[in-house]
Amino acid sequence: MRTRTLRFGLYADEQGLAWVRGLVDEAVGAREARLVDVTVAHTFPASGMTTTDVYDHLAEQWGWENPGQSHGAREAVELRVRLACSLRTWRAVRKTVIRELCPEGAAPHTCRVPWAAA
């Protein structure tokens, strides 16, 4: 098995990060994958850019979906999850996490944590 990385841009506070981390843990636990490392990043070392620069649209999305509410302690971060697994398993875990981040439904809705899959 190779080590593969999942990357998710998030606009979240500590509670939101914990919720997303729980989704990842569940998706990994349901498959033949081993969680190697989880990092919450604020910068991109190769470019010097910050996660705020790259994922600024997520803060805007949150503002549109929650008009008049305070952003509180939310910030744009990148959740990096390293897994030891096959490519097929990596794809299945990624698909499951994305589906759970903002379940589709017939009615208009907002995502609990604005996100972008990188």
PDB file of N, CA and C in Angstrom:
ATOM      1  N   MET A   1       0.842  -1.190   0.000  1.00  0.00           N
ATOM      2  CA  MET A   1       0.000   0.000   0.000  1.00  0.00           C
ATOM      3  C   MET A   1       0.879   1.241   0.000  1.00  0.00           C
ATOM      4  N   ARG A   2       0.439   2.215  -0.767  1.00  0.00           N
ATOM      5  CA  ARG A   2       1.135   3.498  -0.817  1.00  0.00           C
ATOM      6  C   ARG A   2       0.507   4.478   0.154  1.00  0.00           C
ATOM      7  N   THR A   3       1.284   5.485   0.500  1.00  0.00           N
ATOM      8  CA  THR A   3       0.750   6.569   1.306  1.00  0.00           C
ATOM      9  C   THR A   3       0.178   7.625   0.362  1.00  0.00           C
ATOM     10  N   ARG A   4      -1.067   7.978   0.592  1.00  0.00           N
ATOM     11  CA  ARG A   4      -1.777   8.944  -0.256  1.00  0.00           C
ATOM     12  C   ARG A   4      -2.360  10.041   0.633  1.00  0.00           C
ATOM     13  N   THR A   5      -2.551  11.207   0.059  1.00  0.00           N
ATOM     14  CA  THR A   5      -3.018  12.349   0.840  1.00  0.00           C
ATOM     15  C   THR A   5      -4.372  12.848   0.349  1.00  0.00           C
ATOM     16  N   LEU A   6      -5.255  13.090   1.301  1.00  0.00           N
ATOM     17  CA  LEU A   6      -6.524  13.779   1.057  1.00  0.00           C
ATOM     18  C   LEU A   6      -6.331  15.211   1.538  1.00  0.00           C
ATOM     19  N   ARG A   7      -6.821  16.177   0.772  1.00  0.00           N
ATOM     20  CA  ARG A   7      -6.715  17.576   1.166  1.00  0.00           C
ATOM     21  C   ARG A   7      -8.082  18.233   1.021  1.00  0.00           C
ATOM     22  N   PHE A   8      -8.508  18.889   2.102  1.00  0.00           N
ATOM     23  CA  PHE A   8      -9.783  19.593   2.092  1.00  0.00           C
ATOM     24  C   PHE A   8      -9.584  21.007   2.605  1.00  0.00           C
ATOM     25  N   GLY A   9      -9.978  21.996   1.805  1.00  0.00           N
ATOM     26  CA  GLY A   9     -10.020  23.365   2.282  1.00  0.00           C
ATOM     27  C   GLY A   9     -11.302  23.525   3.083  1.00  0.00           C
ATOM     28  N   LEU A  10     -11.187  24.130   4.254  1.00  0.00           N
ATOM     29  CA  LEU A  10     -12.340  24.276   5.142  1.00  0.00           C
ATOM     30  C   LEU A  10     -12.390  25.694   5.694  1.00  0.00           C
ATOM     31  N   TYR A  11     -13.582  26.163   5.949  1.00  0.00           N
ATOM     32  CA  TYR A  11     -13.765  27.408   6.682  1.00  0.00           C
ATOM     33  C   TYR A  11     -14.476  27.013   7.963  1.00  0.00           C
ATOM     34  N   ALA A  12     -13.691  26.791   9.017  1.00  0.00           N
ATOM     35  CA  ALA A  12     -14.244  26.168  10.215  1.00  0.00           C
ATOM     36  C   ALA A  12     -13.608  26.703  11.487  1.00  0.00           C
ATOM     37  N   ASP A  13     -14.333  26.539  12.583  1.00  0.00           N
ATOM     38  CA  ASP A  13     -13.781  26.771  13.915  1.00  0.00           C
ATOM     39  C   ASP A  13     -13.378  25.410  14.479  1.00  0.00           C
ATOM     40  N   GLU A  14     -12.975  25.356  15.735  1.00  0.00           N
ATOM     41  CA  GLU A  14     -12.516  24.090  16.325  1.00  0.00           C
ATOM     42  C   GLU A  14     -13.600  23.007  16.297  1.00  0.00           C
ATOM     43  N   GLN A  15     -14.843  23.392  16.561  1.00  0.00           N
ATOM     44  CA  GLN A  15     -15.940  22.420  16.528  1.00  0.00           C
ATOM     45  C   GLN A  15     -16.143  21.879  15.119  1.00  0.00           C
ATOM     46  N   GLY A  16     -16.089  22.752  14.130  1.00  0.00           N
ATOM     47  CA  GLY A  16     -16.242  22.324  12.744  1.00  0.00           C
ATOM     48  C   GLY A  16     -15.115  21.395  12.317  1.00  0.00           C
ATOM     49  N   LEU A  17     -13.886  21.723  12.716  1.00  0.00           N
ATOM     50  CA  LEU A  17     -12.749  20.852  12.401  1.00  0.00           C
ATOM     51  C   LEU A  17     -12.918  19.476  13.040  1.00  0.00           C
ATOM     52  N   ALA A  18     -13.370  19.463  14.293  1.00  0.00           N
ATOM     53  CA  ALA A  18     -13.582  18.182  14.975  1.00  0.00           C
ATOM     54  C   ALA A  18     -14.655  17.359  14.266  1.00  0.00           C
ATOM     55  N   TRP A  19     -15.699  18.014  13.792  1.00  0.00           N
ATOM     56  CA  TRP A  19     -16.772  17.317  13.081  1.00  0.00           C
ATOM     57  C   TRP A  19     -16.239  16.705  11.787  1.00  0.00           C
ATOM     58  N   VAL A  20     -15.473  17.499  11.012  1.00  0.00           N
ATOM     59  CA  VAL A  20     -14.911  16.986   9.753  1.00  0.00           C
ATOM     60  C   VAL A  20     -13.935  15.853  10.046  1.00  0.00           C
ATOM     61  N   ARG A  21     -13.128  16.005  11.068  1.00  0.00           N
ATOM     62  CA  ARG A  21     -12.181  14.942  11.439  1.00  0.00           C
ATOM     63  C   ARG A  21     -12.946  13.652  11.779  1.00  0.00           C
ATOM     64  N   GLY A  22     -14.090  13.773  12.425  1.00  0.00           N
ATOM     65  CA  GLY A  22     -14.927  12.606  12.713  1.00  0.00           C
ATOM     66  C   GLY A  22     -15.431  11.940  11.444  1.00  0.00           C
ATOM     67  N   LEU A  23     -15.821  12.761  10.451  1.00  0.00           N
ATOM     68  CA  LEU A  23     -16.258  12.200   9.164  1.00  0.00           C
ATOM     69  C   LEU A  23     -15.125  11.413   8.509  1.00  0.00           C
ATOM     70  N   VAL A  24     -13.918  11.980   8.564  1.00  0.00           N
ATOM     71  CA  VAL A  24     -12.751  11.304   7.984  1.00  0.00           C
ATOM     72  C   VAL A  24     -12.489  10.001   8.722  1.00  0.00           C
ATOM     73  N   ASP A  25     -12.492  10.043  10.043  1.00  0.00           N
ATOM     74  CA  ASP A  25     -12.241   8.839  10.846  1.00  0.00           C
ATOM     75  C   ASP A  25     -13.242   7.731  10.521  1.00  0.00           C
ATOM     76  N   GLU A  26     -14.514   8.098  10.386  1.00  0.00           N
ATOM     77  CA  GLU A  26     -15.545   7.107  10.047  1.00  0.00           C
ATOM     78  C   GLU A  26     -15.308   6.512   8.667  1.00  0.00           C
ATOM     79  N   ALA A  27     -15.004   7.366   7.695  1.00  0.00           N
ATOM     80  CA  ALA A  27     -14.784   6.893   6.321  1.00  0.00           C
ATOM     81  C   ALA A  27     -13.559   5.983   6.237  1.00  0.00           C
ATOM     82  N   VAL A  28     -12.505   6.330   6.954  1.00  0.00           N
ATOM     83  CA  VAL A  28     -11.292   5.511   6.955  1.00  0.00           C
ATOM     84  C   VAL A  28     -11.550   4.190   7.671  1.00  0.00           C
ATOM     85  N   GLY A  29     -12.240   4.249   8.791  1.00  0.00           N
ATOM     86  CA  GLY A  29     -12.519   3.043   9.577  1.00  0.00           C
ATOM     87  C   GLY A  29     -13.383   2.032   8.853  1.00  0.00           C
ATOM     88  N   ALA A  30     -14.178   2.498   7.917  1.00  0.00           N
ATOM     89  CA  ALA A  30     -15.075   1.611   7.174  1.00  0.00           C
ATOM     90  C   ALA A  30     -14.378   0.939   5.995  1.00  0.00           C
ATOM     91  N   ARG A  31     -13.119   1.276   5.776  1.00  0.00           N
ATOM     92  CA  ARG A  31     -12.385   0.739   4.627  1.00  0.00           C
ATOM     93  C   ARG A  31     -11.057   0.151   5.081  1.00  0.00           C
ATOM     94  N   GLU A  32     -10.380  -0.472   4.150  1.00  0.00           N
ATOM     95  CA  GLU A  32      -9.060  -1.018   4.435  1.00  0.00           C
ATOM     96  C   GLU A  32      -8.008   0.062   4.214  1.00  0.00           C
ATOM     97  N   ALA A  33      -7.980   0.994   5.143  1.00  0.00           N
ATOM     98  CA  ALA A  33      -7.017   2.088   5.084  1.00  0.00           C
ATOM     99  C   ALA A  33      -6.465   2.304   6.482  1.00  0.00           C
ATOM    100  N   ARG A  34      -5.251   2.821   6.529  1.00  0.00           N
ATOM    101  CA  ARG A  34      -4.632   3.145   7.814  1.00  0.00           C
ATOM    102  C   ARG A  34      -4.326   4.633   7.826  1.00  0.00           C
ATOM    103  N   LEU A  35      -4.804   5.310   8.847  1.00  0.00           N
ATOM    104  CA  LEU A  35      -4.557   6.738   9.006  1.00  0.00           C
ATOM    105  C   LEU A  35      -3.116   6.920   9.470  1.00  0.00           C
ATOM    106  N   VAL A  36      -2.323   7.628   8.677  1.00  0.00           N
ATOM    107  CA  VAL A  36      -0.906   7.827   8.980  1.00  0.00           C
ATOM    108  C   VAL A  36      -0.691   9.141   9.721  1.00  0.00           C
ATOM    109  N   ASP A  37      -1.356  10.219   9.252  1.00  0.00           N
ATOM    110  CA  ASP A  37      -1.132  11.536   9.841  1.00  0.00           C
ATOM    111  C   ASP A  37      -2.283  12.468   9.459  1.00  0.00           C
ATOM    112  N   VAL A  38      -2.598  13.390  10.355  1.00  0.00           N
ATOM    113  CA  VAL A  38      -3.588  14.430  10.078  1.00  0.00           C
ATOM    114  C   VAL A  38      -2.962  15.762  10.477  1.00  0.00           C
ATOM    115  N   THR A  39      -3.011  16.718   9.546  1.00  0.00           N
ATOM    116  CA  THR A  39      -2.433  18.038   9.789  1.00  0.00           C
ATOM    117  C   THR A  39      -3.442  19.106   9.416  1.00  0.00           C
ATOM    118  N   VAL A  40      -3.517  20.134  10.227  1.00  0.00           N
ATOM    119  CA  VAL A  40      -4.306  21.317   9.889  1.00  0.00           C
ATOM    120  C   VAL A  40      -3.302  22.384   9.498  1.00  0.00           C
ATOM    121  N   ALA A  41      -3.279  22.737   8.218  1.00  0.00           N
ATOM    122  CA  ALA A  41      -2.282  23.671   7.689  1.00  0.00           C
ATOM    123  C   ALA A  41      -2.868  25.061   7.501  1.00  0.00           C
ATOM    124  N   HIS A  42      -2.009  26.067   7.683  1.00  0.00           N
ATOM    125  CA  HIS A  42      -2.378  27.462   7.472  1.00  0.00           C
ATOM    126  C   HIS A  42      -1.581  28.093   6.333  1.00  0.00           C
ATOM    127  N   THR A  43      -0.581  27.361   5.835  1.00  0.00           N
ATOM    128  CA  THR A  43       0.258  27.873   4.742  1.00  0.00           C
ATOM    129  C   THR A  43       0.571  26.752   3.759  1.00  0.00           C
ATOM    130  N   PHE A  44       1.043  27.171   2.590  1.00  0.00           N
ATOM    131  CA  PHE A  44       1.521  26.257   1.557  1.00  0.00           C
ATOM    132  C   PHE A  44       3.016  26.522   1.410  1.00  0.00           C
ATOM    133  N   PRO A  45       3.854  25.682   2.002  1.00  0.00           N
ATOM    134  CA  PRO A  45       5.292  25.950   2.058  1.00  0.00           C
ATOM    135  C   PRO A  45       5.945  26.232   0.708  1.00  0.00           C
ATOM    136  N   ALA A  46       5.574  25.549  -0.332  1.00  0.00           N
ATOM    137  CA  ALA A  46       6.237  25.720  -1.623  1.00  0.00           C
ATOM    138  C   ALA A  46       5.972  27.093  -2.237  1.00  0.00           C
ATOM    139  N   SER A  47       4.823  27.677  -1.955  1.00  0.00           N
ATOM    140  CA  SER A  47       4.464  28.940  -2.603  1.00  0.00           C
ATOM    141  C   SER A  47       4.511  30.137  -1.661  1.00  0.00           C
ATOM    142  N   GLY A  48       4.481  29.898  -0.372  1.00  0.00           N
ATOM    143  CA  GLY A  48       4.423  30.996   0.586  1.00  0.00           C
ATOM    144  C   GLY A  48       3.029  31.565   0.768  1.00  0.00           C
ATOM    145  N   MET A  49       2.042  31.029   0.048  1.00  0.00           N
ATOM    146  CA  MET A  49       0.664  31.493   0.183  1.00  0.00           C
ATOM    147  C   MET A  49       0.050  30.934   1.459  1.00  0.00           C
ATOM    148  N   THR A  50      -0.939  31.638   1.960  1.00  0.00           N
ATOM    149  CA  THR A  50      -1.662  31.159   3.129  1.00  0.00           C
ATOM    150  C   THR A  50      -2.951  30.481   2.693  1.00  0.00           C
ATOM    151  N   THR A  51      -3.520  29.716   3.589  1.00  0.00           N
ATOM    152  CA  THR A  51      -4.802  29.074   3.287  1.00  0.00           C
ATOM    153  C   THR A  51      -5.904  30.127   3.153  1.00  0.00           C
ATOM    154  N   THR A  52      -5.749  31.257   3.832  1.00  0.00           N
ATOM    155  CA  THR A  52      -6.715  32.343   3.686  1.00  0.00           C
ATOM    156  C   THR A  52      -6.698  32.875   2.255  1.00  0.00           C
ATOM    157  N   ASP A  53      -5.488  32.970   1.658  1.00  0.00           N
ATOM    158  CA  ASP A  53      -5.375  33.424   0.267  1.00  0.00           C
ATOM    159  C   ASP A  53      -6.074  32.460  -0.681  1.00  0.00           C
ATOM    160  N   VAL A  54      -5.860  31.187  -0.467  1.00  0.00           N
ATOM    161  CA  VAL A  54      -6.345  30.170  -1.399  1.00  0.00           C
ATOM    162  C   VAL A  54      -7.834  29.878  -1.209  1.00  0.00           C
ATOM    163  N   TYR A  55      -8.292  29.853   0.029  1.00  0.00           N
ATOM    164  CA  TYR A  55      -9.671  29.466   0.308  1.00  0.00           C
ATOM    165  C   TYR A  55     -10.541  30.632   0.769  1.00  0.00           C
ATOM    166  N   ASP A  56     -10.227  31.853   0.336  1.00  0.00           N
ATOM    167  CA  ASP A  56     -11.006  33.013   0.743  1.00  0.00           C
ATOM    168  C   ASP A  56     -12.468  32.917   0.301  1.00  0.00           C
ATOM    169  N   HIS A  57     -12.721  32.199  -0.785  1.00  0.00           N
ATOM    170  CA  HIS A  57     -14.100  32.045  -1.274  1.00  0.00           C
ATOM    171  C   HIS A  57     -14.978  31.278  -0.281  1.00  0.00           C
ATOM    172  N   LEU A  58     -14.360  30.471   0.575  1.00  0.00           N
ATOM    173  CA  LEU A  58     -15.147  29.726   1.565  1.00  0.00           C
ATOM    174  C   LEU A  58     -15.697  30.654   2.648  1.00  0.00           C
ATOM    175  N   ALA A  59     -14.923  31.658   3.026  1.00  0.00           N
ATOM    176  CA  ALA A  59     -15.417  32.649   3.990  1.00  0.00           C
ATOM    177  C   ALA A  59     -16.569  33.443   3.373  1.00  0.00           C
ATOM    178  N   GLU A  60     -16.423  33.773   2.096  1.00  0.00           N
ATOM    179  CA  GLU A  60     -17.507  34.482   1.403  1.00  0.00           C
ATOM    180  C   GLU A  60     -18.756  33.611   1.330  1.00  0.00           C
ATOM    181  N   GLN A  61     -18.581  32.334   1.032  1.00  0.00           N
ATOM    182  CA  GLN A  61     -19.714  31.414   0.972  1.00  0.00           C
ATOM    183  C   GLN A  61     -20.432  31.369   2.312  1.00  0.00           C
ATOM    184  N   TRP A  62     -19.667  31.267   3.392  1.00  0.00           N
ATOM    185  CA  TRP A  62     -20.273  31.215   4.722  1.00  0.00           C
ATOM    186  C   TRP A  62     -21.078  32.499   4.974  1.00  0.00           C
ATOM    187  N   GLY A  63     -20.526  33.645   4.572  1.00  0.00           N
ATOM    188  CA  GLY A  63     -21.232  34.912   4.762  1.00  0.00           C
ATOM    189  C   GLY A  63     -22.532  34.973   3.980  1.00  0.00           C
ATOM    190  N   TRP A  64     -22.538  34.466   2.758  1.00  0.00           N
ATOM    191  CA  TRP A  64     -23.760  34.449   1.943  1.00  0.00           C
ATOM    192  C   TRP A  64     -24.813  33.522   2.544  1.00  0.00           C
ATOM    193  N   GLU A  65     -24.345  32.383   3.052  1.00  0.00           N
ATOM    194  CA  GLU A  65     -25.290  31.386   3.574  1.00  0.00           C
ATOM    195  C   GLU A  65     -25.759  31.702   4.993  1.00  0.00           C
ATOM    196  N   ASN A  66     -25.052  32.578   5.684  1.00  0.00           N
ATOM    197  CA  ASN A  66     -25.384  32.919   7.072  1.00  0.00           C
ATOM    198  C   ASN A  66     -25.395  34.437   7.254  1.00  0.00           C
ATOM    199  N   PRO A  67     -26.262  35.146   6.519  1.00  0.00           N
ATOM    200  CA  PRO A  67     -26.244  36.611   6.562  1.00  0.00           C
ATOM    201  C   PRO A  67     -26.504  37.160   7.965  1.00  0.00           C
ATOM    202  N   GLY A  68     -25.697  38.153   8.324  1.00  0.00           N
ATOM    203  CA  GLY A  68     -25.883  38.810   9.614  1.00  0.00           C
ATOM    204  C   GLY A  68     -25.267  38.087  10.793  1.00  0.00           C
ATOM    205  N   GLN A  69     -24.735  36.893  10.592  1.00  0.00           N
ATOM    206  CA  GLN A  69     -24.129  36.151  11.702  1.00  0.00           C
ATOM    207  C   GLN A  69     -22.629  36.408  11.766  1.00  0.00           C
ATOM    208  N   SER A  70     -22.111  36.380  12.954  1.00  0.00           N
ATOM    209  CA  SER A  70     -20.679  36.576  13.148  1.00  0.00           C
ATOM    210  C   SER A  70     -19.908  35.361  12.634  1.00  0.00           C
ATOM    211  N   HIS A  71     -18.743  35.608  12.059  1.00  0.00           N
ATOM    212  CA  HIS A  71     -17.884  34.515  11.602  1.00  0.00           C
ATOM    213  C   HIS A  71     -17.224  33.812  12.791  1.00  0.00           C
ATOM    214  N   GLY A  72     -17.260  34.442  13.943  1.00  0.00           N
ATOM    215  CA  GLY A  72     -16.704  33.830  15.149  1.00  0.00           C
ATOM    216  C   GLY A  72     -15.228  33.482  14.974  1.00  0.00           C
ATOM    217  N   ALA A  73     -14.860  32.299  15.408  1.00  0.00           N
ATOM    218  CA  ALA A  73     -13.465  31.855  15.355  1.00  0.00           C
ATOM    219  C   ALA A  73     -13.150  31.067  14.082  1.00  0.00           C
ATOM    220  N   ARG A  74     -14.057  31.110  13.115  1.00  0.00           N
ATOM    221  CA  ARG A  74     -13.817  30.369  11.872  1.00  0.00           C
ATOM    222  C   ARG A  74     -12.635  30.955  11.112  1.00  0.00           C
ATOM    223  N   GLU A  75     -11.891  30.058  10.469  1.00  0.00           N
ATOM    224  CA  GLU A  75     -10.785  30.489   9.620  1.00  0.00           C
ATOM    225  C   GLU A  75     -10.608  29.481   8.498  1.00  0.00           C
ATOM    226  N   ALA A  76      -9.986  29.945   7.431  1.00  0.00           N
ATOM    227  CA  ALA A  76      -9.709  29.072   6.292  1.00  0.00           C
ATOM    228  C   ALA A  76      -8.454  28.262   6.594  1.00  0.00           C
ATOM    229  N   VAL A  77      -8.588  26.943   6.520  1.00  0.00           N
ATOM    230  CA  VAL A  77      -7.474  26.030   6.762  1.00  0.00           C
ATOM    231  C   VAL A  77      -7.522  24.919   5.727  1.00  0.00           C
ATOM    232  N   GLU A  78      -6.453  24.137   5.681  1.00  0.00           N
ATOM    233  CA  GLU A  78      -6.469  22.943   4.847  1.00  0.00           C
ATOM    234  C   GLU A  78      -6.234  21.745   5.751  1.00  0.00           C
ATOM    235  N   LEU A  79      -7.167  20.814   5.708  1.00  0.00           N
ATOM    236  CA  LEU A  79      -7.025  19.557   6.444  1.00  0.00           C
ATOM    237  C   LEU A  79      -6.329  18.569   5.528  1.00  0.00           C
ATOM    238  N   ARG A  80      -5.155  18.108   5.943  1.00  0.00           N
ATOM    239  CA  ARG A  80      -4.376  17.147   5.160  1.00  0.00           C
ATOM    240  C   ARG A  80      -4.353  15.828   5.898  1.00  0.00           C
ATOM    241  N   VAL A  81      -4.844  14.809   5.232  1.00  0.00           N
ATOM    242  CA  VAL A  81      -4.958  13.483   5.827  1.00  0.00           C
ATOM    243  C   VAL A  81      -4.117  12.511   5.006  1.00  0.00           C
ATOM    244  N   ARG A  82      -3.120  11.912   5.632  1.00  0.00           N
ATOM    245  CA  ARG A  82      -2.289  10.922   4.946  1.00  0.00           C
ATOM    246  C   ARG A  82      -2.792   9.532   5.315  1.00  0.00           C
ATOM    247  N   LEU A  83      -3.027   8.726   4.278  1.00  0.00           N
ATOM    248  CA  LEU A  83      -3.553   7.372   4.442  1.00  0.00           C
ATOM    249  C   LEU A  83      -2.623   6.367   3.783  1.00  0.00           C
ATOM    250  N   ALA A  84      -2.525   5.201   4.354  1.00  0.00           N
ATOM    251  CA  ALA A  84      -1.872   4.071   3.697  1.00  0.00           C
ATOM    252  C   ALA A  84      -2.995   3.210   3.148  1.00  0.00           C
ATOM    253  N   CYS A  85      -3.114   3.199   1.809  1.00  0.00           N
ATOM    254  CA  CYS A  85      -4.217   2.485   1.191  1.00  0.00           C
ATOM    255  C   CYS A  85      -3.995   2.386  -0.316  1.00  0.00           C
ATOM    256  N   SER A  86      -4.846   1.634  -0.952  1.00  0.00           N
ATOM    257  CA  SER A  86      -4.827   1.545  -2.408  1.00  0.00           C
ATOM    258  C   SER A  86      -5.471   2.793  -2.997  1.00  0.00           C
ATOM    259  N   LEU A  87      -5.262   3.017  -4.275  1.00  0.00           N
ATOM    260  CA  LEU A  87      -5.889   4.150  -4.948  1.00  0.00           C
ATOM    261  C   LEU A  87      -7.409   4.017  -4.916  1.00  0.00           C
ATOM    262  N   ARG A  88      -7.893   2.823  -5.097  1.00  0.00           N
ATOM    263  CA  ARG A  88      -9.346   2.585  -5.068  1.00  0.00           C
ATOM    264  C   ARG A  88      -9.938   2.952  -3.708  1.00  0.00           C
ATOM    265  N   THR A  89      -9.251   2.567  -2.642  1.00  0.00           N
ATOM    266  CA  THR A  89      -9.721   2.893  -1.294  1.00  0.00           C
ATOM    267  C   THR A  89      -9.640   4.391  -1.046  1.00  0.00           C
ATOM    268  N   TRP A  90      -8.552   5.030  -1.497  1.00  0.00           N
ATOM    269  CA  TRP A  90      -8.398   6.471  -1.348  1.00  0.00           C
ATOM    270  C   TRP A  90      -9.574   7.186  -2.001  1.00  0.00           C
ATOM    271  N   ARG A  91      -9.929   6.756  -3.205  1.00  0.00           N
ATOM    272  CA  ARG A  91     -11.057   7.368  -3.918  1.00  0.00           C
ATOM    273  C   ARG A  91     -12.368   7.162  -3.163  1.00  0.00           C
ATOM    274  N   ALA A  92     -12.559   5.974  -2.613  1.00  0.00           N
ATOM    275  CA  ALA A  92     -13.793   5.687  -1.875  1.00  0.00           C
ATOM    276  C   ALA A  92     -13.884   6.530  -0.605  1.00  0.00           C
ATOM    277  N   VAL A  93     -12.779   6.678   0.115  1.00  0.00           N
ATOM    278  CA  VAL A  93     -12.764   7.501   1.324  1.00  0.00           C
ATOM    279  C   VAL A  93     -13.059   8.953   0.961  1.00  0.00           C
ATOM    280  N   ARG A  94     -12.402   9.466  -0.068  1.00  0.00           N
ATOM    281  CA  ARG A  94     -12.606  10.848  -0.506  1.00  0.00           C
ATOM    282  C   ARG A  94     -14.071  11.082  -0.886  1.00  0.00           C
ATOM    283  N   LYS A  95     -14.631  10.179  -1.658  1.00  0.00           N
ATOM    284  CA  LYS A  95     -16.017  10.310  -2.090  1.00  0.00           C
ATOM    285  C   LYS A  95     -16.972  10.317  -0.893  1.00  0.00           C
ATOM    286  N   THR A  96     -16.726   9.456   0.070  1.00  0.00           N
ATOM    287  CA  THR A  96     -17.574   9.378   1.257  1.00  0.00           C
ATOM    288  C   THR A  96     -17.501  10.663   2.073  1.00  0.00           C
ATOM    289  N   VAL A  97     -16.294  11.175   2.295  1.00  0.00           N
ATOM    290  CA  VAL A  97     -16.144  12.404   3.074  1.00  0.00           C
ATOM    291  C   VAL A  97     -16.841  13.563   2.367  1.00  0.00           C
ATOM    292  N   ILE A  98     -16.650  13.688   1.073  1.00  0.00           N
ATOM    293  CA  ILE A  98     -17.294  14.771   0.325  1.00  0.00           C
ATOM    294  C   ILE A  98     -18.817  14.665   0.424  1.00  0.00           C
ATOM    295  N   ARG A  99     -19.335  13.469   0.282  1.00  0.00           N
ATOM    296  CA  ARG A  99     -20.788  13.272   0.358  1.00  0.00           C
ATOM    297  C   ARG A  99     -21.315  13.665   1.744  1.00  0.00           C
ATOM    298  N   GLU A 100     -20.559  13.365   2.798  1.00  0.00           N
ATOM    299  CA  GLU A 100     -21.008  13.664   4.153  1.00  0.00           C
ATOM    300  C   GLU A 100     -20.800  15.130   4.551  1.00  0.00           C
ATOM    301  N   LEU A 101     -19.853  15.806   3.912  1.00  0.00           N
ATOM    302  CA  LEU A 101     -19.615  17.213   4.232  1.00  0.00           C
ATOM    303  C   LEU A 101     -20.843  18.070   3.943  1.00  0.00           C
ATOM    304  N   CYS A 102     -21.533  17.765   2.885  1.00  0.00           N
ATOM    305  CA  CYS A 102     -22.717  18.543   2.535  1.00  0.00           C
ATOM    306  C   CYS A 102     -23.679  17.648   1.764  1.00  0.00           C
ATOM    307  N   PRO A 103     -24.457  16.843   2.490  1.00  0.00           N
ATOM    308  CA  PRO A 103     -25.370  15.917   1.820  1.00  0.00           C
ATOM    309  C   PRO A 103     -26.344  16.641   0.911  1.00  0.00           C
ATOM    310  N   GLU A 104     -26.521  16.082  -0.268  1.00  0.00           N
ATOM    311  CA  GLU A 104     -27.467  16.672  -1.212  1.00  0.00           C
ATOM    312  C   GLU A 104     -28.885  16.309  -0.804  1.00  0.00           C
ATOM    313  N   GLY A 105     -29.776  17.186  -1.086  1.00  0.00           N
ATOM    314  CA  GLY A 105     -31.182  16.949  -0.816  1.00  0.00           C
ATOM    315  C   GLY A 105     -32.019  17.723  -1.804  1.00  0.00           C
ATOM    316  N   ALA A 106     -33.303  17.537  -1.739  1.00  0.00           N
ATOM    317  CA  ALA A 106     -34.198  18.207  -2.666  1.00  0.00           C
ATOM    318  C   ALA A 106     -34.372  19.688  -2.315  1.00  0.00           C
ATOM    319  N   ALA A 107     -34.278  20.013  -1.032  1.00  0.00           N
ATOM    320  CA  ALA A 107     -34.504  21.389  -0.590  1.00  0.00           C
ATOM    321  C   ALA A 107     -33.187  22.168  -0.558  1.00  0.00           C
ATOM    322  N   PRO A 108     -33.267  23.490  -0.751  1.00  0.00           N
ATOM    323  CA  PRO A 108     -32.056  24.309  -0.613  1.00  0.00           C
ATOM    324  C   PRO A 108     -31.497  24.164   0.806  1.00  0.00           C
ATOM    325  N   HIS A 109     -30.200  24.136   0.909  1.00  0.00           N
ATOM    326  CA  HIS A 109     -29.583  23.968   2.220  1.00  0.00           C
ATOM    327  C   HIS A 109     -28.204  24.612   2.222  1.00  0.00           C
ATOM    328  N   THR A 110     -27.641  24.721   3.402  1.00  0.00           N
ATOM    329  CA  THR A 110     -26.282  25.234   3.527  1.00  0.00           C
ATOM    330  C   THR A 110     -25.419  24.143   4.145  1.00  0.00           C
ATOM    331  N   CYS A 111     -24.158  24.167   3.778  1.00  0.00           N
ATOM    332  CA  CYS A 111     -23.213  23.203   4.347  1.00  0.00           C
ATOM    333  C   CYS A 111     -22.835  23.656   5.750  1.00  0.00           C
ATOM    334  N   ARG A 112     -22.711  22.718   6.646  1.00  0.00           N
ATOM    335  CA  ARG A 112     -22.331  23.035   8.027  1.00  0.00           C
ATOM    336  C   ARG A 112     -20.956  23.700   8.057  1.00  0.00           C
ATOM    337  N   VAL A 113     -20.033  23.192   7.243  1.00  0.00           N
ATOM    338  CA  VAL A 113     -18.690  23.752   7.110  1.00  0.00           C
ATOM    339  C   VAL A 113     -18.415  23.936   5.624  1.00  0.00           C
ATOM    340  N   PRO A 114     -18.278  25.180   5.153  1.00  0.00           N
ATOM    341  CA  PRO A 114     -17.924  25.366   3.752  1.00  0.00           C
ATOM    342  C   PRO A 114     -16.591  24.658   3.453  1.00  0.00           C
ATOM    343  N   TRP A 115     -16.504  24.010   2.303  1.00  0.00           N
ATOM    344  CA  TRP A 115     -15.339  23.184   1.996  1.00  0.00           C
ATOM    345  C   TRP A 115     -15.011  23.208   0.513  1.00  0.00           C
ATOM    346  N   ALA A 116     -13.809  22.778   0.221  1.00  0.00           N
ATOM    347  CA  ALA A 116     -13.360  22.574  -1.150  1.00  0.00           C
ATOM    348  C   ALA A 116     -12.419  21.378  -1.125  1.00  0.00           C
ATOM    349  N   ALA A 117     -12.609  20.453  -2.026  1.00  0.00           N
ATOM    350  CA  ALA A 117     -11.700  19.310  -2.121  1.00  0.00           C
ATOM    351  C   ALA A 117     -10.527  19.699  -3.002  1.00  0.00           C
ATOM    352  N   ALA A 118      -9.348  19.518  -2.481  1.00  0.00           N
ATOM    353  CA  ALA A 118      -8.143  19.889  -3.236  1.00  0.00           C
ATOM    354  C   ALA A 118      -7.524  18.646  -3.846  1.00  0.00           C
TER     355      ALA A 118
END
